């Protein structure tokens, strides 16, 4: 059964407040290039990246089209996707552009590409949140779960990032995350990183329809499968690949759905279009399991209506203020 200490459902399901006309969050794949081979990563365990060999970096035109609209609506632009975002040669320029247009920006990174100039530019732009995927509390474990990356560099980088943030009194929240997977003592990981960053997030091990669920160290569901509780994703966010194609949710990293392209129509039209409407109505009718994509989603059970990104943002902000004040 679901964790009784945390509320995962709403009294009434539907659009998250503020998402009635535009998604609260546009998750984008800035690049499908990576410098690590993490065993928990769906891209390591699939051929998805090869499908984007012709366009493995998002163009400025596509990014700015998304950023302009996120800025207009005050939405989050979550820079993530199929690789390490900072391997994109213009990543910092583009993030600065998004912030200048009024978008909220969340960056998910493995932390390997930071230098002092990059750090200062991101903090000066007041990127709303930087999440560093760490997954370990010691070099031996890190070498396995973050193959290709350097532990000492990671620890030094994150400490430097937080130290400069505090001295600059930037509004950027800095968190670390770890996947709760077999072979990793997630409590030790949390114990190591919590004193350094604003918040440590324990992530569920997700399959994305590809990974082996048996690698999870915590299969406790948030939403009991047999209850067919609506998935929150179609009500607050969507996924956009390097080509500008919109997928129904971040689970669909393989691109089984095609809801439209941001270069052909506004994101608001796609968001309120027939495709999304079908997913929402079906889930609200407690029939989400009748949709092929959703029925095959082993990660649906780990979605939460309240224990989510928005909760992390609020908690991290409170902790940031304490660190900056000190």
C-alpha atoms as a PDB file:
ATOM      1  CA  UNK A   1       0.000   0.000   0.000  1.00  0.00           C
ATOM      2  CA  UNK A   2       1.028   3.627  -0.460  1.00  0.00           C
ATOM      3  CA  UNK A   3       3.075   5.497   2.136  1.00  0.00           C
ATOM      4  CA  UNK A   4       0.519   6.580   4.753  1.00  0.00           C
ATOM      5  CA  UNK A   5       2.726   9.417   6.030  1.00  0.00           C
ATOM      6  CA  UNK A   6       2.520  11.386   2.791  1.00  0.00           C
ATOM      7  CA  UNK A   7      -0.610  12.413   0.929  1.00  0.00           C
ATOM      8  CA  UNK A   8      -0.454  11.454  -2.737  1.00  0.00           C
ATOM      9  CA  UNK A   9      -3.984  12.228  -3.927  1.00  0.00           C
ATOM     10  CA  UNK A  10      -6.306  15.207  -4.203  1.00  0.00           C
ATOM     11  CA  UNK A  11      -9.902  15.558  -3.070  1.00  0.00           C
ATOM     12  CA  UNK A  12     -10.751  16.488  -6.647  1.00  0.00           C
ATOM     13  CA  UNK A  13      -8.668  15.634  -9.693  1.00  0.00           C
ATOM     14  CA  UNK A  14      -8.125  17.946 -12.633  1.00  0.00           C
ATOM     15  CA  UNK A  15      -5.828  20.706 -13.818  1.00  0.00           C
ATOM     16  CA  UNK A  16      -3.277  21.839 -11.284  1.00  0.00           C
ATOM     17  CA  UNK A  17      -3.973  25.489 -10.384  1.00  0.00           C
ATOM     18  CA  UNK A  18      -2.410  27.622 -13.081  1.00  0.00           C
ATOM     19  CA  UNK A  19      -2.327  24.882 -15.718  1.00  0.00           C
ATOM     20  CA  UNK A  20      -5.785  25.535 -17.140  1.00  0.00           C
ATOM     21  CA  UNK A  21      -4.439  27.280 -20.264  1.00  0.00           C
ATOM     22  CA  UNK A  22      -0.758  26.330 -20.383  1.00  0.00           C
ATOM     23  CA  UNK A  23       1.314  23.582 -18.740  1.00  0.00           C
ATOM     24  CA  UNK A  24       2.963  24.460 -15.461  1.00  0.00           C
ATOM     25  CA  UNK A  25       6.086  22.751 -16.773  1.00  0.00           C
ATOM     26  CA  UNK A  26       7.595  22.082 -20.187  1.00  0.00           C
ATOM     27  CA  UNK A  27      10.215  19.350 -19.813  1.00  0.00           C
ATOM     28  CA  UNK A  28      12.664  19.591 -22.688  1.00  0.00           C
ATOM     29  CA  UNK A  29      15.365  17.337 -24.083  1.00  0.00           C
ATOM     30  CA  UNK A  30      18.050  19.930 -24.783  1.00  0.00           C
ATOM     31  CA  UNK A  31      20.425  17.243 -26.038  1.00  0.00           C
ATOM     32  CA  UNK A  32      20.667  13.493 -26.486  1.00  0.00           C
ATOM     33  CA  UNK A  33      24.442  13.524 -25.974  1.00  0.00           C
ATOM     34  CA  UNK A  34      25.901  12.392 -22.650  1.00  0.00           C
ATOM     35  CA  UNK A  35      29.318  11.853 -21.075  1.00  0.00           C
ATOM     36  CA  UNK A  36      28.179   9.137 -18.649  1.00  0.00           C
ATOM     37  CA  UNK A  37      26.714   5.664 -18.829  1.00  0.00           C
ATOM     38  CA  UNK A  38      24.539   5.397 -15.741  1.00  0.00           C
ATOM     39  CA  UNK A  39      22.940   1.946 -15.337  1.00  0.00           C
ATOM     40  CA  UNK A  40      19.666   3.467 -14.106  1.00  0.00           C
ATOM     41  CA  UNK A  41      19.348   5.674 -17.202  1.00  0.00           C
ATOM     42  CA  UNK A  42      16.802   4.620 -19.802  1.00  0.00           C
ATOM     43  CA  UNK A  43      19.008   6.031 -22.561  1.00  0.00           C
ATOM     44  CA  UNK A  44      21.920   3.833 -21.489  1.00  0.00           C
ATOM     45  CA  UNK A  45      19.616   0.828 -21.715  1.00  0.00           C
ATOM     46  CA  UNK A  46      18.015   1.584 -25.071  1.00  0.00           C
ATOM     47  CA  UNK A  47      18.669   2.765 -28.623  1.00  0.00           C
ATOM     48  CA  UNK A  48      16.613   5.965 -28.234  1.00  0.00           C
ATOM     49  CA  UNK A  49      19.623   8.247 -28.671  1.00  0.00           C
ATOM     50  CA  UNK A  50      20.436   6.689 -32.042  1.00  0.00           C
ATOM     51  CA  UNK A  51      16.999   7.815 -33.253  1.00  0.00           C
ATOM     52  CA  UNK A  52      18.188  11.398 -32.759  1.00  0.00           C
ATOM     53  CA  UNK A  53      21.586  11.132 -34.429  1.00  0.00           C
ATOM     54  CA  UNK A  54      20.424  13.614 -37.056  1.00  0.00           C
ATOM     55  CA  UNK A  55      19.266  16.144 -34.453  1.00  0.00           C
ATOM     56  CA  UNK A  56      20.835  15.362 -31.105  1.00  0.00           C
ATOM     57  CA  UNK A  57      20.946  19.023 -30.032  1.00  0.00           C
ATOM     58  CA  UNK A  58      17.927  21.321 -29.785  1.00  0.00           C
ATOM     59  CA  UNK A  59      18.268  24.318 -32.093  1.00  0.00           C
ATOM     60  CA  UNK A  60      18.172  27.880 -30.802  1.00  0.00           C
ATOM     61  CA  UNK A  61      14.980  28.438 -32.779  1.00  0.00           C
ATOM     62  CA  UNK A  62      13.128  25.570 -31.128  1.00  0.00           C
ATOM     63  CA  UNK A  63      14.405  26.460 -27.656  1.00  0.00           C
ATOM     64  CA  UNK A  64      13.526  30.138 -27.960  1.00  0.00           C
ATOM     65  CA  UNK A  65      10.072  29.290 -29.303  1.00  0.00           C
ATOM     66  CA  UNK A  66       9.456  27.262 -26.139  1.00  0.00           C
ATOM     67  CA  UNK A  67      11.144  29.776 -23.820  1.00  0.00           C
ATOM     68  CA  UNK A  68       9.132  32.707 -25.187  1.00  0.00           C
ATOM     69  CA  UNK A  69       5.857  30.947 -24.444  1.00  0.00           C
ATOM     70  CA  UNK A  70       6.954  29.667 -21.033  1.00  0.00           C
ATOM     71  CA  UNK A  71       7.989  33.214 -20.179  1.00  0.00           C
ATOM     72  CA  UNK A  72       4.673  34.638 -21.320  1.00  0.00           C
ATOM     73  CA  UNK A  73       2.823  32.245 -19.023  1.00  0.00           C
ATOM     74  CA  UNK A  74       5.347  32.241 -16.163  1.00  0.00           C
ATOM     75  CA  UNK A  75       5.776  28.489 -16.603  1.00  0.00           C
ATOM     76  CA  UNK A  76       8.705  26.259 -15.733  1.00  0.00           C
ATOM     77  CA  UNK A  77      11.154  25.273 -18.450  1.00  0.00           C
ATOM     78  CA  UNK A  78      12.796  22.159 -17.089  1.00  0.00           C
ATOM     79  CA  UNK A  79      16.060  21.570 -18.924  1.00  0.00           C
ATOM     80  CA  UNK A  80      16.642  17.857 -18.854  1.00  0.00           C
ATOM     81  CA  UNK A  81      16.092  15.110 -21.373  1.00  0.00           C
ATOM     82  CA  UNK A  82      18.216  12.497 -23.025  1.00  0.00           C
ATOM     83  CA  UNK A  83      21.695  13.638 -22.065  1.00  0.00           C
ATOM     84  CA  UNK A  84      23.792  16.106 -20.097  1.00  0.00           C
ATOM     85  CA  UNK A  85      22.308  19.558 -20.877  1.00  0.00           C
ATOM     86  CA  UNK A  86      25.561  21.460 -20.391  1.00  0.00           C
ATOM     87  CA  UNK A  87      27.153  19.522 -23.262  1.00  0.00           C
ATOM     88  CA  UNK A  88      25.036  21.755 -25.513  1.00  0.00           C
ATOM     89  CA  UNK A  89      27.486  24.451 -26.644  1.00  0.00           C
ATOM     90  CA  UNK A  90      24.945  27.220 -26.113  1.00  0.00           C
ATOM     91  CA  UNK A  91      23.254  25.823 -23.010  1.00  0.00           C
ATOM     92  CA  UNK A  92      24.138  28.747 -20.748  1.00  0.00           C
ATOM     93  CA  UNK A  93      23.220  31.320 -23.400  1.00  0.00           C
ATOM     94  CA  UNK A  94      19.850  29.656 -23.897  1.00  0.00           C
ATOM     95  CA  UNK A  95      19.132  29.378 -20.187  1.00  0.00           C
ATOM     96  CA  UNK A  96      19.960  33.067 -19.762  1.00  0.00           C
ATOM     97  CA  UNK A  97      17.584  33.824 -22.625  1.00  0.00           C
ATOM     98  CA  UNK A  98      14.761  31.842 -21.016  1.00  0.00           C
ATOM     99  CA  UNK A  99      15.207  33.700 -17.737  1.00  0.00           C
ATOM    100  CA  UNK A 100      15.255  37.050 -19.560  1.00  0.00           C
ATOM    101  CA  UNK A 101      11.854  36.169 -21.028  1.00  0.00           C
ATOM    102  CA  UNK A 102      10.338  35.445 -17.615  1.00  0.00           C
ATOM    103  CA  UNK A 103      10.394  31.644 -17.646  1.00  0.00           C
ATOM    104  CA  UNK A 104      11.166  29.720 -14.481  1.00  0.00           C
ATOM    105  CA  UNK A 105      14.114  27.444 -15.220  1.00  0.00           C
ATOM    106  CA  UNK A 106      14.998  24.156 -13.581  1.00  0.00           C
ATOM    107  CA  UNK A 107      18.277  22.548 -14.689  1.00  0.00           C
ATOM    108  CA  UNK A 108      18.983  18.844 -14.151  1.00  0.00           C
ATOM    109  CA  UNK A 109      22.682  18.064 -14.557  1.00  0.00           C
ATOM    110  CA  UNK A 110      25.290  15.483 -13.581  1.00  0.00           C
ATOM    111  CA  UNK A 111      27.519  18.366 -12.486  1.00  0.00           C
ATOM    112  CA  UNK A 112      30.493  17.420 -14.620  1.00  0.00           C
ATOM    113  CA  UNK A 113      30.517  20.457 -16.906  1.00  0.00           C
ATOM    114  CA  UNK A 114      30.561  23.289 -14.401  1.00  0.00           C
ATOM    115  CA  UNK A 115      33.393  25.771 -14.287  1.00  0.00           C
ATOM    116  CA  UNK A 116      33.413  29.042 -12.326  1.00  0.00           C
ATOM    117  CA  UNK A 117      32.264  31.133 -15.284  1.00  0.00           C
ATOM    118  CA  UNK A 118      29.304  28.807 -15.943  1.00  0.00           C
ATOM    119  CA  UNK A 119      28.386  28.811 -12.263  1.00  0.00           C
ATOM    120  CA  UNK A 120      28.473  32.589 -11.987  1.00  0.00           C
ATOM    121  CA  UNK A 121      26.451  33.098 -15.154  1.00  0.00           C
ATOM    122  CA  UNK A 122      23.735  30.676 -14.065  1.00  0.00           C
ATOM    123  CA  UNK A 123      23.571  32.224 -10.602  1.00  0.00           C
ATOM    124  CA  UNK A 124      23.554  35.757 -11.979  1.00  0.00           C
ATOM    125  CA  UNK A 125      20.630  34.758 -14.186  1.00  0.00           C
ATOM    126  CA  UNK A 126      18.931  33.464 -11.026  1.00  0.00           C
ATOM    127  CA  UNK A 127      18.128  30.066 -12.493  1.00  0.00           C
ATOM    128  CA  UNK A 128      15.312  28.920 -10.254  1.00  0.00           C
ATOM    129  CA  UNK A 129      16.664  25.499  -9.369  1.00  0.00           C
ATOM    130  CA  UNK A 130      19.724  23.412 -10.184  1.00  0.00           C
ATOM    131  CA  UNK A 131      19.390  19.703  -9.482  1.00  0.00           C
ATOM    132  CA  UNK A 132      22.591  17.674  -9.470  1.00  0.00           C
ATOM    133  CA  UNK A 133      22.120  13.938  -9.961  1.00  0.00           C
ATOM    134  CA  UNK A 134      24.594  12.399  -7.505  1.00  0.00           C
ATOM    135  CA  UNK A 135      23.312   8.882  -6.657  1.00  0.00           C
ATOM    136  CA  UNK A 136      26.194   8.037  -4.309  1.00  0.00           C
ATOM    137  CA  UNK A 137      28.008   8.993  -1.118  1.00  0.00           C
ATOM    138  CA  UNK A 138      31.413   7.445  -1.874  1.00  0.00           C
ATOM    139  CA  UNK A 139      33.741   7.112  -4.874  1.00  0.00           C
ATOM    140  CA  UNK A 140      33.379   3.333  -5.253  1.00  0.00           C
ATOM    141  CA  UNK A 141      29.595   3.464  -5.562  1.00  0.00           C
ATOM    142  CA  UNK A 142      29.768   6.559  -7.745  1.00  0.00           C
ATOM    143  CA  UNK A 143      32.060   4.780 -10.208  1.00  0.00           C
ATOM    144  CA  UNK A 144      29.313   2.200 -10.721  1.00  0.00           C
ATOM    145  CA  UNK A 145      26.133   4.293 -10.724  1.00  0.00           C
ATOM    146  CA  UNK A 146      27.673   7.270 -12.556  1.00  0.00           C
ATOM    147  CA  UNK A 147      30.074   5.483 -14.879  1.00  0.00           C
ATOM    148  CA  UNK A 148      32.378   7.872 -16.703  1.00  0.00           C
ATOM    149  CA  UNK A 149      32.280  10.676 -14.153  1.00  0.00           C
ATOM    150  CA  UNK A 150      34.686  11.732 -11.394  1.00  0.00           C
ATOM    151  CA  UNK A 151      33.638  11.695  -7.727  1.00  0.00           C
ATOM    152  CA  UNK A 152      36.171  14.222  -6.440  1.00  0.00           C
ATOM    153  CA  UNK A 153      35.200  16.679  -9.154  1.00  0.00           C
ATOM    154  CA  UNK A 154      31.520  16.254  -8.283  1.00  0.00           C
ATOM    155  CA  UNK A 155      31.986  16.946  -4.574  1.00  0.00           C
ATOM    156  CA  UNK A 156      34.241  19.929  -5.231  1.00  0.00           C
ATOM    157  CA  UNK A 157      31.873  21.330  -7.848  1.00  0.00           C
ATOM    158  CA  UNK A 158      28.745  21.124  -5.712  1.00  0.00           C
ATOM    159  CA  UNK A 159      30.490  22.701  -2.726  1.00  0.00           C
ATOM    160  CA  UNK A 160      31.783  25.500  -4.954  1.00  0.00           C
ATOM    161  CA  UNK A 161      28.347  25.993  -6.493  1.00  0.00           C
ATOM    162  CA  UNK A 162      26.694  26.369  -3.094  1.00  0.00           C
ATOM    163  CA  UNK A 163      29.487  28.564  -1.717  1.00  0.00           C
ATOM    164  CA  UNK A 164      29.346  31.015  -4.636  1.00  0.00           C
ATOM    165  CA  UNK A 165      25.543  31.017  -4.496  1.00  0.00           C
ATOM    166  CA  UNK A 166      25.602  31.943  -0.833  1.00  0.00           C
ATOM    167  CA  UNK A 167      28.171  34.705  -1.333  1.00  0.00           C
ATOM    168  CA  UNK A 168      26.271  36.115  -4.308  1.00  0.00           C
ATOM    169  CA  UNK A 169      22.986  35.724  -2.420  1.00  0.00           C
ATOM    170  CA  UNK A 170      21.471  34.361  -5.606  1.00  0.00           C
ATOM    171  CA  UNK A 171      17.890  33.112  -5.517  1.00  0.00           C
ATOM    172  CA  UNK A 172      18.912  29.806  -7.149  1.00  0.00           C
ATOM    173  CA  UNK A 173      17.939  26.713  -5.210  1.00  0.00           C
ATOM    174  CA  UNK A 174      20.476  23.889  -5.301  1.00  0.00           C
ATOM    175  CA  UNK A 175      19.410  20.319  -4.659  1.00  0.00           C
ATOM    176  CA  UNK A 176      20.932  16.873  -5.106  1.00  0.00           C
ATOM    177  CA  UNK A 177      19.101  13.718  -6.044  1.00  0.00           C
ATOM    178  CA  UNK A 178      19.727  10.005  -5.811  1.00  0.00           C
ATOM    179  CA  UNK A 179      17.927   7.055  -7.350  1.00  0.00           C
ATOM    180  CA  UNK A 180      16.803   4.505  -4.759  1.00  0.00           C
ATOM    181  CA  UNK A 181      18.271   1.498  -6.536  1.00  0.00           C
ATOM    182  CA  UNK A 182      19.760  -1.807  -5.454  1.00  0.00           C
ATOM    183  CA  UNK A 183      23.429  -1.545  -4.556  1.00  0.00           C
ATOM    184  CA  UNK A 184      23.020   1.965  -3.157  1.00  0.00           C
ATOM    185  CA  UNK A 185      22.386   2.853   0.489  1.00  0.00           C
ATOM    186  CA  UNK A 186      20.119   5.807  -0.210  1.00  0.00           C
ATOM    187  CA  UNK A 187      20.052   6.854   3.449  1.00  0.00           C
ATOM    188  CA  UNK A 188      23.835   7.207   3.460  1.00  0.00           C
ATOM    189  CA  UNK A 189      23.629   9.194   0.239  1.00  0.00           C
ATOM    190  CA  UNK A 190      21.101  11.522   1.854  1.00  0.00           C
ATOM    191  CA  UNK A 191      23.228  11.816   4.993  1.00  0.00           C
ATOM    192  CA  UNK A 192      26.259  12.864   2.925  1.00  0.00           C
ATOM    193  CA  UNK A 193      24.538  15.463   0.736  1.00  0.00           C
ATOM    194  CA  UNK A 194      21.886  17.012   2.992  1.00  0.00           C
ATOM    195  CA  UNK A 195      24.360  19.245   4.900  1.00  0.00           C
ATOM    196  CA  UNK A 196      25.739  20.594   1.614  1.00  0.00           C
ATOM    197  CA  UNK A 197      22.709  21.371  -0.563  1.00  0.00           C
ATOM    198  CA  UNK A 198      19.313  22.931   0.065  1.00  0.00           C
ATOM    199  CA  UNK A 199      17.530  19.595  -0.248  1.00  0.00           C
ATOM    200  CA  UNK A 200      18.271  15.985  -1.077  1.00  0.00           C
ATOM    201  CA  UNK A 201      15.652  14.174  -3.129  1.00  0.00           C
ATOM    202  CA  UNK A 202      15.273  10.402  -2.955  1.00  0.00           C
ATOM    203  CA  UNK A 203      14.072   9.380  -6.391  1.00  0.00           C
ATOM    204  CA  UNK A 204      12.131   6.229  -7.147  1.00  0.00           C
ATOM    205  CA  UNK A 205      13.826   3.872  -9.608  1.00  0.00           C
ATOM    206  CA  UNK A 206      11.804   4.325 -12.800  1.00  0.00           C
ATOM    207  CA  UNK A 207      11.521   1.962 -15.746  1.00  0.00           C
ATOM    208  CA  UNK A 208      10.356   4.393 -18.469  1.00  0.00           C
ATOM    209  CA  UNK A 209       8.937   1.215 -20.006  1.00  0.00           C
ATOM    210  CA  UNK A 210      12.470  -0.063 -20.620  1.00  0.00           C
ATOM    211  CA  UNK A 211      14.471  -0.515 -17.387  1.00  0.00           C
ATOM    212  CA  UNK A 212      14.177  -3.633 -15.243  1.00  0.00           C
ATOM    213  CA  UNK A 213      11.884  -2.839 -12.271  1.00  0.00           C
ATOM    214  CA  UNK A 214      13.716  -5.427 -10.175  1.00  0.00           C
ATOM    215  CA  UNK A 215      16.596  -2.973  -9.812  1.00  0.00           C
ATOM    216  CA  UNK A 216      14.419  -0.801  -7.591  1.00  0.00           C
ATOM    217  CA  UNK A 217      15.219  -0.728  -3.871  1.00  0.00           C
ATOM    218  CA  UNK A 218      11.788   0.667  -2.992  1.00  0.00           C
ATOM    219  CA  UNK A 219       8.715  -0.504  -4.901  1.00  0.00           C
ATOM    220  CA  UNK A 220       6.211   1.024  -2.473  1.00  0.00           C
ATOM    221  CA  UNK A 221       3.599   2.678  -4.717  1.00  0.00           C
ATOM    222  CA  UNK A 222       2.218   6.184  -4.271  1.00  0.00           C
ATOM    223  CA  UNK A 223      -0.944   5.420  -6.240  1.00  0.00           C
ATOM    224  CA  UNK A 224      -2.280   1.864  -5.787  1.00  0.00           C
ATOM    225  CA  UNK A 225      -2.550   0.383  -9.274  1.00  0.00           C
ATOM    226  CA  UNK A 226      -5.967  -1.210  -8.890  1.00  0.00           C
ATOM    227  CA  UNK A 227      -7.560   2.097  -7.865  1.00  0.00           C
ATOM    228  CA  UNK A 228      -6.828   3.600 -11.315  1.00  0.00           C
ATOM    229  CA  UNK A 229      -6.256   7.014  -9.726  1.00  0.00           C
ATOM    230  CA  UNK A 230      -5.638   9.585 -12.494  1.00  0.00           C
ATOM    231  CA  UNK A 231      -2.011  10.238 -13.307  1.00  0.00           C
ATOM    232  CA  UNK A 232      -1.137  13.882 -12.502  1.00  0.00           C
ATOM    233  CA  UNK A 233       1.192  14.360 -15.474  1.00  0.00           C
ATOM    234  CA  UNK A 234      -1.390  15.213 -18.197  1.00  0.00           C
ATOM    235  CA  UNK A 235      -2.699  17.896 -15.855  1.00  0.00           C
ATOM    236  CA  UNK A 236       0.520  19.854 -15.275  1.00  0.00           C
ATOM    237  CA  UNK A 237       3.350  19.046 -17.718  1.00  0.00           C
ATOM    238  CA  UNK A 238       4.464  17.794 -21.109  1.00  0.00           C
ATOM    239  CA  UNK A 239       7.669  16.636 -22.821  1.00  0.00           C
ATOM    240  CA  UNK A 240       9.335  18.226 -25.868  1.00  0.00           C
ATOM    241  CA  UNK A 241      12.178  16.626 -27.829  1.00  0.00           C
ATOM    242  CA  UNK A 242      15.004  18.290 -29.762  1.00  0.00           C
ATOM    243  CA  UNK A 243      12.817  18.535 -32.869  1.00  0.00           C
ATOM    244  CA  UNK A 244      10.079  20.427 -31.044  1.00  0.00           C
ATOM    245  CA  UNK A 245       7.749  17.431 -31.012  1.00  0.00           C
ATOM    246  CA  UNK A 246       5.467  17.215 -27.995  1.00  0.00           C
ATOM    247  CA  UNK A 247       4.891  13.930 -26.170  1.00  0.00           C
ATOM    248  CA  UNK A 248       2.024  13.463 -23.737  1.00  0.00           C
ATOM    249  CA  UNK A 249       4.243  13.075 -20.671  1.00  0.00           C
ATOM    250  CA  UNK A 250       7.859  12.620 -19.548  1.00  0.00           C
ATOM    251  CA  UNK A 251       7.288   8.843 -19.376  1.00  0.00           C
ATOM    252  CA  UNK A 252       7.118   8.748 -23.177  1.00  0.00           C
ATOM    253  CA  UNK A 253      10.846   9.182 -23.778  1.00  0.00           C
ATOM    254  CA  UNK A 254      10.631   6.766 -26.712  1.00  0.00           C
ATOM    255  CA  UNK A 255       8.182   9.055 -28.521  1.00  0.00           C
ATOM    256  CA  UNK A 256       5.191   6.758 -28.850  1.00  0.00           C
ATOM    257  CA  UNK A 257       2.882   9.782 -28.838  1.00  0.00           C
ATOM    258  CA  UNK A 258       2.912  12.833 -31.081  1.00  0.00           C
ATOM    259  CA  UNK A 259       0.729  15.628 -29.740  1.00  0.00           C
ATOM    260  CA  UNK A 260       2.008  18.254 -32.168  1.00  0.00           C
ATOM    261  CA  UNK A 261       5.100  20.376 -32.805  1.00  0.00           C
ATOM    262  CA  UNK A 262       5.891  23.708 -31.183  1.00  0.00           C
ATOM    263  CA  UNK A 263       7.161  25.011 -34.514  1.00  0.00           C
ATOM    264  CA  UNK A 264       3.740  24.486 -36.083  1.00  0.00           C
ATOM    265  CA  UNK A 265       1.335  25.622 -33.370  1.00  0.00           C
ATOM    266  CA  UNK A 266       1.381  27.333 -29.964  1.00  0.00           C
ATOM    267  CA  UNK A 267       2.017  25.145 -26.938  1.00  0.00           C
ATOM    268  CA  UNK A 268      -1.280  26.372 -25.452  1.00  0.00           C
ATOM    269  CA  UNK A 269      -3.185  24.960 -28.444  1.00  0.00           C
ATOM    270  CA  UNK A 270      -1.419  21.621 -28.139  1.00  0.00           C
ATOM    271  CA  UNK A 271      -2.054  21.589 -24.373  1.00  0.00           C
ATOM    272  CA  UNK A 272      -5.775  22.174 -24.842  1.00  0.00           C
ATOM    273  CA  UNK A 273      -6.058  20.076 -27.993  1.00  0.00           C
ATOM    274  CA  UNK A 274      -7.910  16.838 -28.633  1.00  0.00           C
ATOM    275  CA  UNK A 275      -4.907  14.644 -27.856  1.00  0.00           C
ATOM    276  CA  UNK A 276      -4.398  15.853 -24.305  1.00  0.00           C
ATOM    277  CA  UNK A 277      -8.143  16.131 -23.790  1.00  0.00           C
ATOM    278  CA  UNK A 278      -8.498  12.421 -24.538  1.00  0.00           C
ATOM    279  CA  UNK A 279      -5.861  11.460 -21.962  1.00  0.00           C
ATOM    280  CA  UNK A 280      -7.347  13.727 -19.298  1.00  0.00           C
ATOM    281  CA  UNK A 281     -10.948  12.616 -19.761  1.00  0.00           C
ATOM    282  CA  UNK A 282      -9.969   8.949 -19.824  1.00  0.00           C
ATOM    283  CA  UNK A 283      -7.934   9.268 -16.634  1.00  0.00           C
ATOM    284  CA  UNK A 284     -10.638  11.273 -14.865  1.00  0.00           C
ATOM    285  CA  UNK A 285     -13.086   8.477 -15.739  1.00  0.00           C
ATOM    286  CA  UNK A 286     -10.687   6.056 -13.978  1.00  0.00           C
ATOM    287  CA  UNK A 287     -10.034   4.343 -17.300  1.00  0.00           C
ATOM    288  CA  UNK A 288      -6.431   5.337 -17.833  1.00  0.00           C
ATOM    289  CA  UNK A 289      -5.481   1.664 -17.868  1.00  0.00           C
ATOM    290  CA  UNK A 290      -7.446   1.318 -21.109  1.00  0.00           C
ATOM    291  CA  UNK A 291      -4.896   3.547 -22.874  1.00  0.00           C
ATOM    292  CA  UNK A 292      -2.086   1.396 -24.265  1.00  0.00           C
ATOM    293  CA  UNK A 293       0.710   3.770 -23.233  1.00  0.00           C
ATOM    294  CA  UNK A 294      -0.631   4.217 -19.705  1.00  0.00           C
ATOM    295  CA  UNK A 295      -1.453   0.547 -19.216  1.00  0.00           C
ATOM    296  CA  UNK A 296       2.165  -0.265 -19.961  1.00  0.00           C
ATOM    297  CA  UNK A 297       3.485   2.423 -17.622  1.00  0.00           C
ATOM    298  CA  UNK A 298       5.053   0.743 -14.602  1.00  0.00           C
ATOM    299  CA  UNK A 299       5.924   4.191 -13.251  1.00  0.00           C
ATOM    300  CA  UNK A 300       2.325   5.469 -12.967  1.00  0.00           C
ATOM    301  CA  UNK A 301       2.221   4.059  -9.440  1.00  0.00           C
ATOM    302  CA  UNK A 302       5.057   6.408  -8.458  1.00  0.00           C
ATOM    303  CA  UNK A 303       3.299   9.608  -9.502  1.00  0.00           C
ATOM    304  CA  UNK A 304       1.977  11.787  -6.707  1.00  0.00           C
ATOM    305  CA  UNK A 305      -0.436  14.702  -6.775  1.00  0.00           C
ATOM    306  CA  UNK A 306       1.189  16.374  -3.783  1.00  0.00           C
ATOM    307  CA  UNK A 307       4.587  14.775  -3.094  1.00  0.00           C
ATOM    308  CA  UNK A 308       6.096  16.254  -6.239  1.00  0.00           C
ATOM    309  CA  UNK A 309       8.326  18.853  -7.891  1.00  0.00           C
ATOM    310  CA  UNK A 310       6.307  21.758  -6.555  1.00  0.00           C
ATOM    311  CA  UNK A 311       6.732  20.497  -3.003  1.00  0.00           C
ATOM    312  CA  UNK A 312      10.495  20.167  -3.549  1.00  0.00           C
ATOM    313  CA  UNK A 313      10.696  23.728  -4.876  1.00  0.00           C
ATOM    314  CA  UNK A 314       8.926  25.146  -1.840  1.00  0.00           C
ATOM    315  CA  UNK A 315      10.955  23.137   0.682  1.00  0.00           C
ATOM    316  CA  UNK A 316      14.266  23.922  -1.033  1.00  0.00           C
ATOM    317  CA  UNK A 317      13.430  27.630  -1.080  1.00  0.00           C
ATOM    318  CA  UNK A 318      12.947  27.696   2.674  1.00  0.00           C
ATOM    319  CA  UNK A 319      16.285  25.953   3.186  1.00  0.00           C
ATOM    320  CA  UNK A 320      18.041  28.221   0.665  1.00  0.00           C
ATOM    321  CA  UNK A 321      16.994  31.298   2.570  1.00  0.00           C
ATOM    322  CA  UNK A 322      18.524  29.911   5.759  1.00  0.00           C
ATOM    323  CA  UNK A 323      21.843  29.147   4.052  1.00  0.00           C
ATOM    324  CA  UNK A 324      22.045  32.500   2.278  1.00  0.00           C
ATOM    325  CA  UNK A 325      21.174  34.395   5.444  1.00  0.00           C
ATOM    326  CA  UNK A 326      24.001  32.627   7.283  1.00  0.00           C
END
